[in-house]
Every structure is written in C-alpha cells, then in structure tokens.
Amino acid sequence: MIQLNPMLPVYVVPFEKERYCFAIESSLLENYLMFHIIMNDSGEIWSFPQTEIRGTINYSALRKTINKDKKSVHIDKLKG
C-alpha cells in the first residue's frame, strides 16, 4: 500500500464527483490497483478499482477535461 501525501484529487465514476485519494493498494494481479478515497461530505472511506477512477483537470499536464465515460479506456484502443 502506498500512502499519498498530499492526497490526489480524482474523479469517482460511480458517484460522479471529484474526491481525494489518500492511498493506492496493489492486489495480487500486477496491473490491478485499488484506490482508497475519502468522501468529503460524509467522511466515509471507500475503495474503488482503477476502472472506476479518472484523472481530474490538470492544465499543466494538458488535461483540460475529465473522461466521465463509465467504460474504461484500454491501452489497445489508445495505440490505434
């Protein structure tokens, strides 16, 4: 498990809101990560697989929009 300090802002697809990730945990499968998220409004802690997490807007990384699609984007589709 990796603790993130400072916490990472992420977009949580099931809740359709931006939240903060405070830890990332790798499972037995080497390409499958679990993101541990703190809910701002209730203080609850939830865990989501990497397929349910999206990056937020980051102008320095040239990411001006959030991919809010519920389908995950696979590397095969990115290669063309």
PDB file of N, CA and C in Angstrom:
ATOM      1  N   MET A   1       0.849  -1.172   0.000  1.00  0.00           N
ATOM      2  CA  MET A   1       0.000   0.000   0.000  1.00  0.00           C
ATOM      3  C   MET A   1       0.896   1.237   0.000  1.00  0.00           C
ATOM      4  N   ILE A   2       0.513   2.204  -0.816  1.00  0.00           N
ATOM      5  CA  ILE A   2       1.256   3.458  -0.914  1.00  0.00           C
ATOM      6  C   ILE A   2       0.372   4.582  -0.397  1.00  0.00           C
ATOM      7  N   GLN A   3       0.857   5.302   0.606  1.00  0.00           N
ATOM      8  CA  GLN A   3       0.130   6.459   1.126  1.00  0.00           C
ATOM      9  C   GLN A   3       0.509   7.680   0.307  1.00  0.00           C
ATOM     10  N   LEU A   4      -0.490   8.434  -0.131  1.00  0.00           N
ATOM     11  CA  LEU A   4      -0.246   9.633  -0.922  1.00  0.00           C
ATOM     12  C   LEU A   4      -0.262  10.862  -0.024  1.00  0.00           C
ATOM     13  N   ASN A   5       0.812  11.632  -0.085  1.00  0.00           N
ATOM     14  CA  ASN A   5       0.880  12.856   0.707  1.00  0.00           C
ATOM     15  C   ASN A   5       1.576  13.917  -0.132  1.00  0.00           C
ATOM     16  N   PRO A   6       0.860  14.870  -0.681  1.00  0.00           N
ATOM     17  CA  PRO A   6      -0.538  15.228  -0.447  1.00  0.00           C
ATOM     18  C   PRO A   6      -1.489  14.275  -1.176  1.00  0.00           C
ATOM     19  N   MET A   7      -2.747  14.319  -0.758  1.00  0.00           N
ATOM     20  CA  MET A   7      -3.750  13.465  -1.381  1.00  0.00           C
ATOM     21  C   MET A   7      -3.965  13.874  -2.835  1.00  0.00           C
ATOM     22  N   LEU A   8      -4.356  12.904  -3.651  1.00  0.00           N
ATOM     23  CA  LEU A   8      -4.516  13.096  -5.087  1.00  0.00           C
ATOM     24  C   LEU A   8      -5.991  13.335  -5.428  1.00  0.00           C
ATOM     25  N   PRO A   9      -6.325  14.448  -6.086  1.00  0.00           N
ATOM     26  CA  PRO A   9      -7.722  14.638  -6.494  1.00  0.00           C
ATOM     27  C   PRO A   9      -8.046  13.726  -7.674  1.00  0.00           C
ATOM     28  N   VAL A  10      -9.142  12.981  -7.568  1.00  0.00           N
ATOM     29  CA  VAL A  10      -9.578  12.059  -8.621  1.00  0.00           C
ATOM     30  C   VAL A  10     -11.074  12.210  -8.843  1.00  0.00           C
ATOM     31  N   TYR A  11     -11.545  11.750 -10.001  1.00  0.00           N
ATOM     32  CA  TYR A  11     -12.965  11.732 -10.319  1.00  0.00           C
ATOM     33  C   TYR A  11     -13.457  10.310 -10.125  1.00  0.00           C
ATOM     34  N   VAL A  12     -14.477  10.116  -9.262  1.00  0.00           N
ATOM     35  CA  VAL A  12     -15.020   8.790  -8.958  1.00  0.00           C
ATOM     36  C   VAL A  12     -16.261   8.582  -9.825  1.00  0.00           C
ATOM     37  N   VAL A  13     -16.190   7.655 -10.775  1.00  0.00           N
ATOM     38  CA  VAL A  13     -17.253   7.451 -11.756  1.00  0.00           C
ATOM     39  C   VAL A  13     -18.594   7.071 -11.114  1.00  0.00           C
ATOM     40  N   PRO A  14     -18.675   6.112 -10.170  1.00  0.00           N
ATOM     41  CA  PRO A  14     -19.992   5.752  -9.624  1.00  0.00           C
ATOM     42  C   PRO A  14     -20.704   6.914  -8.919  1.00  0.00           C
ATOM     43  N   PHE A  15     -19.958   7.799  -8.273  1.00  0.00           N
ATOM     44  CA  PHE A  15     -20.573   8.920  -7.566  1.00  0.00           C
ATOM     45  C   PHE A  15     -20.644  10.177  -8.422  1.00  0.00           C
ATOM     46  N   GLU A  16     -19.955  10.163  -9.568  1.00  0.00           N
ATOM     47  CA  GLU A  16     -19.912  11.302 -10.490  1.00  0.00           C
ATOM     48  C   GLU A  16     -19.473  12.585  -9.788  1.00  0.00           C
ATOM     49  N   LYS A  17     -18.458  12.473  -8.939  1.00  0.00           N
ATOM     50  CA  LYS A  17     -17.935  13.615  -8.185  1.00  0.00           C
ATOM     51  C   LYS A  17     -16.425  13.490  -8.036  1.00  0.00           C
ATOM     52  N   GLU A  18     -15.799  14.632  -7.794  1.00  0.00           N
ATOM     53  CA  GLU A  18     -14.368  14.629  -7.501  1.00  0.00           C
ATOM     54  C   GLU A  18     -14.161  14.404  -6.006  1.00  0.00           C
ATOM     55  N   ARG A  19     -13.216  13.547  -5.675  1.00  0.00           N
ATOM     56  CA  ARG A  19     -12.880  13.241  -4.290  1.00  0.00           C
ATOM     57  C   ARG A  19     -11.367  13.167  -4.172  1.00  0.00           C
ATOM     58  N   TYR A  20     -10.873  12.854  -2.979  1.00  0.00           N
ATOM     59  CA  TYR A  20      -9.437  12.765  -2.742  1.00  0.00           C
ATOM     60  C   TYR A  20      -9.028  11.331  -2.436  1.00  0.00           C
ATOM     61  N   CYS A  21      -7.985  10.887  -3.121  1.00  0.00           N
ATOM     62  CA  CYS A  21      -7.420   9.563  -2.892  1.00  0.00           C
ATOM     63  C   CYS A  21      -6.252   9.713  -1.925  1.00  0.00           C
ATOM     64  N   PHE A  22      -6.255   8.923  -0.853  1.00  0.00           N
ATOM     65  CA  PHE A  22      -5.183   9.021   0.132  1.00  0.00           C
ATOM     66  C   PHE A  22      -4.250   7.817   0.116  1.00  0.00           C
ATOM     67  N   ALA A  23      -4.649   6.729  -0.581  1.00  0.00           N
ATOM     68  CA  ALA A  23      -3.786   5.542  -0.641  1.00  0.00           C
ATOM     69  C   ALA A  23      -4.114   4.727  -1.883  1.00  0.00           C
ATOM     70  N   ILE A  24      -3.096   4.049  -2.407  1.00  0.00           N
ATOM     71  CA  ILE A  24      -3.259   3.137  -3.538  1.00  0.00           C
ATOM     72  C   ILE A  24      -2.686   1.795  -3.105  1.00  0.00           C
ATOM     73  N   GLU A  25      -3.448   0.735  -3.382  1.00  0.00           N
ATOM     74  CA  GLU A  25      -3.039  -0.608  -2.978  1.00  0.00           C
ATOM     75  C   GLU A  25      -3.004  -1.505  -4.203  1.00  0.00           C
ATOM     76  N   SER A  26      -1.929  -2.245  -4.373  1.00  0.00           N
ATOM     77  CA  SER A  26      -1.877  -3.205  -5.474  1.00  0.00           C
ATOM     78  C   SER A  26      -2.356  -4.558  -4.964  1.00  0.00           C
ATOM     79  N   SER A  27      -3.082  -5.269  -5.823  1.00  0.00           N
ATOM     80  CA  SER A  27      -3.600  -6.571  -5.427  1.00  0.00           C
ATOM     81  C   SER A  27      -2.685  -7.662  -5.975  1.00  0.00           C
ATOM     82  N   LEU A  28      -3.158  -8.878  -5.954  1.00  0.00           N
ATOM     83  CA  LEU A  28      -2.349  -9.992  -6.439  1.00  0.00           C
ATOM     84  C   LEU A  28      -2.061  -9.878  -7.930  1.00  0.00           C
ATOM     85  N   LEU A  29      -3.010  -9.311  -8.657  1.00  0.00           N
ATOM     86  CA  LEU A  29      -2.778  -9.098 -10.089  1.00  0.00           C
ATOM     87  C   LEU A  29      -1.921  -7.859 -10.257  1.00  0.00           C
ATOM     88  N   GLU A  30      -0.866  -7.933 -11.029  1.00  0.00           N
ATOM     89  CA  GLU A  30       0.096  -6.839 -11.092  1.00  0.00           C
ATOM     90  C   GLU A  30      -0.435  -5.577 -11.764  1.00  0.00           C
ATOM     91  N   ASN A  31      -1.487  -5.687 -12.571  1.00  0.00           N
ATOM     92  CA  ASN A  31      -1.999  -4.495 -13.243  1.00  0.00           C
ATOM     93  C   ASN A  31      -3.359  -4.061 -12.695  1.00  0.00           C
ATOM     94  N   TYR A  32      -3.681  -4.434 -11.473  1.00  0.00           N
ATOM     95  CA  TYR A  32      -4.971  -4.104 -10.889  1.00  0.00           C
ATOM     96  C   TYR A  32      -4.738  -3.356  -9.575  1.00  0.00           C
ATOM     97  N   LEU A  33      -5.166  -2.099  -9.516  1.00  0.00           N
ATOM     98  CA  LEU A  33      -4.948  -1.263  -8.341  1.00  0.00           C
ATOM     99  C   LEU A  33      -6.275  -0.919  -7.676  1.00  0.00           C
ATOM    100  N   MET A  34      -6.247  -0.756  -6.366  1.00  0.00           N
ATOM    101  CA  MET A  34      -7.401  -0.280  -5.608  1.00  0.00           C
ATOM    102  C   MET A  34      -7.063   1.106  -5.077  1.00  0.00           C
ATOM    103  N   PHE A  35      -7.984   2.048  -5.286  1.00  0.00           N
ATOM    104  CA  PHE A  35      -7.810   3.418  -4.827  1.00  0.00           C
ATOM    105  C   PHE A  35      -8.678   3.628  -3.598  1.00  0.00           C
ATOM    106  N   HIS A  36      -8.109   4.114  -2.508  1.00  0.00           N
ATOM    107  CA  HIS A  36      -8.840   4.366  -1.271  1.00  0.00           C
ATOM    108  C   HIS A  36      -9.169   5.851  -1.224  1.00  0.00           C
ATOM    109  N   ILE A  37     -10.468   6.149  -1.166  1.00  0.00           N
ATOM    110  CA  ILE A  37     -10.985   7.505  -1.335  1.00  0.00           C
ATOM    111  C   ILE A  37     -11.685   7.964  -0.059  1.00  0.00           C
ATOM    112  N   ILE A  38     -11.484   9.241   0.299  1.00  0.00           N
ATOM    113  CA  ILE A  38     -12.223   9.857   1.405  1.00  0.00           C
ATOM    114  C   ILE A  38     -13.358  10.682   0.804  1.00  0.00           C
ATOM    115  N   MET A  39     -14.580  10.426   1.268  1.00  0.00           N
ATOM    116  CA  MET A  39     -15.741  11.194   0.819  1.00  0.00           C
ATOM    117  C   MET A  39     -15.788  12.505   1.601  1.00  0.00           C
ATOM    118  N   ASN A  40     -15.770  13.623   0.899  1.00  0.00           N
ATOM    119  CA  ASN A  40     -15.709  14.941   1.533  1.00  0.00           C
ATOM    120  C   ASN A  40     -16.914  15.234   2.410  1.00  0.00           C
ATOM    121  N   ASP A  41     -18.108  14.890   1.928  1.00  0.00           N
ATOM    122  CA  ASP A  41     -19.317  15.279   2.643  1.00  0.00           C
ATOM    123  C   ASP A  41     -19.608  14.429   3.875  1.00  0.00           C
ATOM    124  N   SER A  42     -19.322  13.132   3.824  1.00  0.00           N
ATOM    125  CA  SER A  42     -19.666  12.252   4.947  1.00  0.00           C
ATOM    126  C   SER A  42     -18.468  11.771   5.752  1.00  0.00           C
ATOM    127  N   GLY A  43     -17.256  11.890   5.192  1.00  0.00           N
ATOM    128  CA  GLY A  43     -16.068  11.399   5.881  1.00  0.00           C
ATOM    129  C   GLY A  43     -15.858   9.902   5.745  1.00  0.00           C
ATOM    130  N   GLU A  44     -16.711   9.230   4.980  1.00  0.00           N
ATOM    131  CA  GLU A  44     -16.576   7.791   4.782  1.00  0.00           C
ATOM    132  C   GLU A  44     -15.340   7.491   3.927  1.00  0.00           C
ATOM    133  N   ILE A  45     -14.815   6.297   4.094  1.00  0.00           N
ATOM    134  CA  ILE A  45     -13.682   5.833   3.299  1.00  0.00           C
ATOM    135  C   ILE A  45     -14.165   4.675   2.440  1.00  0.00           C
ATOM    136  N   TRP A  46     -13.978   4.807   1.128  1.00  0.00           N
ATOM    137  CA  TRP A  46     -14.393   3.786   0.174  1.00  0.00           C
ATOM    138  C   TRP A  46     -13.176   3.328  -0.621  1.00  0.00           C
ATOM    139  N   SER A  47     -13.250   2.119  -1.155  1.00  0.00           N
ATOM    140  CA  SER A  47     -12.203   1.600  -2.029  1.00  0.00           C
ATOM    141  C   SER A  47     -12.810   1.313  -3.393  1.00  0.00           C
ATOM    142  N   PHE A  48     -12.118   1.755  -4.444  1.00  0.00           N
ATOM    143  CA  PHE A  48     -12.594   1.568  -5.805  1.00  0.00           C
ATOM    144  C   PHE A  48     -11.483   0.971  -6.650  1.00  0.00           C
ATOM    145  N   PRO A  49     -11.848   0.094  -7.606  1.00  0.00           N
ATOM    146  CA  PRO A  49     -10.837  -0.409  -8.541  1.00  0.00           C
ATOM    147  C   PRO A  49     -10.436   0.688  -9.512  1.00  0.00           C
ATOM    148  N   GLN A  50      -9.315   0.506 -10.160  1.00  0.00           N
ATOM    149  CA  GLN A  50      -8.788   1.527 -11.066  1.00  0.00           C
ATOM    150  C   GLN A  50      -9.725   1.819 -12.228  1.00  0.00           C
ATOM    151  N   THR A  51     -10.621   0.909 -12.573  1.00  0.00           N
ATOM    152  CA  THR A  51     -11.548   1.140 -13.683  1.00  0.00           C
ATOM    153  C   THR A  51     -12.628   2.154 -13.331  1.00  0.00           C
ATOM    154  N   GLU A  52     -12.793   2.475 -12.045  1.00  0.00           N
ATOM    155  CA  GLU A  52     -13.814   3.418 -11.604  1.00  0.00           C
ATOM    156  C   GLU A  52     -13.246   4.801 -11.287  1.00  0.00           C
ATOM    157  N   ILE A  53     -11.957   5.006 -11.518  1.00  0.00           N
ATOM    158  CA  ILE A  53     -11.284   6.256 -11.168  1.00  0.00           C
ATOM    159  C   ILE A  53     -10.794   6.940 -12.435  1.00  0.00           C
ATOM    160  N   ARG A  54     -10.959   8.250 -12.503  1.00  0.00           N
ATOM    161  CA  ARG A  54     -10.462   9.051 -13.630  1.00  0.00           C
ATOM    162  C   ARG A  54      -9.619  10.198 -13.088  1.00  0.00           C
ATOM    163  N   GLY A  55      -8.710  10.685 -13.903  1.00  0.00           N
ATOM    164  CA  GLY A  55      -7.920  11.844 -13.529  1.00  0.00           C
ATOM    165  C   GLY A  55      -8.759  13.108 -13.623  1.00  0.00           C
ATOM    166  N   THR A  56      -8.421  14.102 -12.830  1.00  0.00           N
ATOM    167  CA  THR A  56      -9.142  15.372 -12.855  1.00  0.00           C
ATOM    168  C   THR A  56      -8.454  16.336 -13.819  1.00  0.00           C
ATOM    169  N   ILE A  57      -9.030  17.500 -13.966  1.00  0.00           N
ATOM    170  CA  ILE A  57      -8.467  18.522 -14.843  1.00  0.00           C
ATOM    171  C   ILE A  57      -7.092  18.935 -14.326  1.00  0.00           C
ATOM    172  N   ASN A  58      -6.114  18.970 -15.231  1.00  0.00           N
ATOM    173  CA  ASN A  58      -4.755  19.366 -14.880  1.00  0.00           C
ATOM    174  C   ASN A  58      -4.175  20.094 -16.082  1.00  0.00           C
ATOM    175  N   TYR A  59      -4.192  21.413 -16.024  1.00  0.00           N
ATOM    176  CA  TYR A  59      -3.749  22.202 -17.172  1.00  0.00           C
ATOM    177  C   TYR A  59      -2.264  22.039 -17.454  1.00  0.00           C
ATOM    178  N   SER A  60      -1.451  21.811 -16.444  1.00  0.00           N
ATOM    179  CA  SER A  60      -0.017  21.641 -16.681  1.00  0.00           C
ATOM    180  C   SER A  60       0.276  20.320 -17.392  1.00  0.00           C
ATOM    181  N   ALA A  61      -0.611  19.347 -17.284  1.00  0.00           N
ATOM    182  CA  ALA A  61      -0.460  18.074 -17.994  1.00  0.00           C
ATOM    183  C   ALA A  61      -1.285  18.058 -19.280  1.00  0.00           C
ATOM    184  N   LEU A  62      -1.824  19.237 -19.673  1.00  0.00           N
ATOM    185  CA  LEU A  62      -2.644  19.398 -20.876  1.00  0.00           C
ATOM    186  C   LEU A  62      -3.914  18.554 -20.841  1.00  0.00           C
ATOM    187  N   ARG A  63      -4.431  18.266 -19.637  1.00  0.00           N
ATOM    188  CA  ARG A  63      -5.684  17.524 -19.486  1.00  0.00           C
ATOM    189  C   ARG A  63      -6.759  18.524 -19.093  1.00  0.00           C
ATOM    190  N   LYS A  64      -7.530  18.985 -20.100  1.00  0.00           N
ATOM    191  CA  LYS A  64      -8.494  20.059 -19.883  1.00  0.00           C
ATOM    192  C   LYS A  64      -9.902  19.568 -19.595  1.00  0.00           C
ATOM    193  N   THR A  65     -10.156  18.278 -19.749  1.00  0.00           N
ATOM    194  CA  THR A  65     -11.478  17.714 -19.469  1.00  0.00           C
ATOM    195  C   THR A  65     -11.314  16.421 -18.685  1.00  0.00           C
ATOM    196  N   ILE A  66     -12.410  15.951 -18.122  1.00  0.00           N
ATOM    197  CA  ILE A  66     -12.439  14.682 -17.402  1.00  0.00           C
ATOM    198  C   ILE A  66     -13.194  13.674 -18.254  1.00  0.00           C
ATOM    199  N   ASN A  67     -12.642  12.481 -18.447  1.00  0.00           N
ATOM    200  CA  ASN A  67     -13.342  11.417 -19.159  1.00  0.00           C
ATOM    201  C   ASN A  67     -14.357  10.802 -18.195  1.00  0.00           C
ATOM    202  N   LYS A  68     -15.614  11.229 -18.277  1.00  0.00           N
ATOM    203  CA  LYS A  68     -16.640  10.766 -17.353  1.00  0.00           C
ATOM    204  C   LYS A  68     -17.358   9.519 -17.851  1.00  0.00           C
ATOM    205  N   ASP A  69     -16.877   8.953 -18.949  1.00  0.00           N
ATOM    206  CA  ASP A  69     -17.486   7.761 -19.507  1.00  0.00           C
ATOM    207  C   ASP A  69     -17.342   6.612 -18.521  1.00  0.00           C
ATOM    208  N   LYS A  70     -18.399   5.826 -18.378  1.00  0.00           N
ATOM    209  CA  LYS A  70     -18.365   4.713 -17.430  1.00  0.00           C
ATOM    210  C   LYS A  70     -17.563   3.536 -17.957  1.00  0.00           C
ATOM    211  N   LYS A  71     -17.247   3.541 -19.258  1.00  0.00           N
ATOM    212  CA  LYS A  71     -16.417   2.479 -19.816  1.00  0.00           C
ATOM    213  C   LYS A  71     -14.959   2.825 -19.588  1.00  0.00           C
ATOM    214  N   SER A  72     -14.161   1.826 -19.290  1.00  0.00           N
ATOM    215  CA  SER A  72     -12.739   2.093 -19.116  1.00  0.00           C
ATOM    216  C   SER A  72     -12.063   2.140 -20.481  1.00  0.00           C
ATOM    217  N   VAL A  73     -11.027   2.929 -20.584  1.00  0.00           N
ATOM    218  CA  VAL A  73     -10.267   3.056 -21.826  1.00  0.00           C
ATOM    219  C   VAL A  73      -9.097   2.091 -21.744  1.00  0.00           C
ATOM    220  N   HIS A  74      -9.034   1.164 -22.678  1.00  0.00           N
ATOM    221  CA  HIS A  74      -7.973   0.171 -22.672  1.00  0.00           C
ATOM    222  C   HIS A  74      -6.786   0.650 -23.495  1.00  0.00           C
ATOM    223  N   ILE A  75      -5.614   0.177 -23.166  1.00  0.00           N
ATOM    224  CA  ILE A  75      -4.391   0.573 -23.849  1.00  0.00           C
ATOM    225  C   ILE A  75      -4.461   0.203 -25.327  1.00  0.00           C
ATOM    226  N   ASP A  76      -5.123  -0.904 -25.669  1.00  0.00           N
ATOM    227  CA  ASP A  76      -5.234  -1.319 -27.065  1.00  0.00           C
ATOM    228  C   ASP A  76      -5.920  -0.242 -27.901  1.00  0.00           C
ATOM    229  N   LYS A  77      -6.920   0.440 -27.339  1.00  0.00           N
ATOM    230  CA  LYS A  77      -7.642   1.475 -28.075  1.00  0.00           C
ATOM    231  C   LYS A  77      -6.772   2.719 -28.247  1.00  0.00           C
ATOM    232  N   LEU A  78      -5.874   2.972 -27.312  1.00  0.00           N
ATOM    233  CA  LEU A  78      -5.019   4.136 -27.405  1.00  0.00           C
ATOM    234  C   LEU A  78      -3.940   3.975 -28.465  1.00  0.00           C
ATOM    235  N   LYS A  79      -3.518   2.754 -28.720  1.00  0.00           N
ATOM    236  CA  LYS A  79      -2.459   2.503 -29.695  1.00  0.00           C
ATOM    237  C   LYS A  79      -2.929   2.748 -31.119  1.00  0.00           C
ATOM    238  N   GLY A  80      -4.236   2.626 -31.352  1.00  0.00           N
ATOM    239  CA  GLY A  80      -4.778   2.887 -32.680  1.00  0.00           C
ATOM    240  C   GLY A  80      -4.993   1.649 -33.387  1.00  0.00           C
TER     241      GLY A  80
END
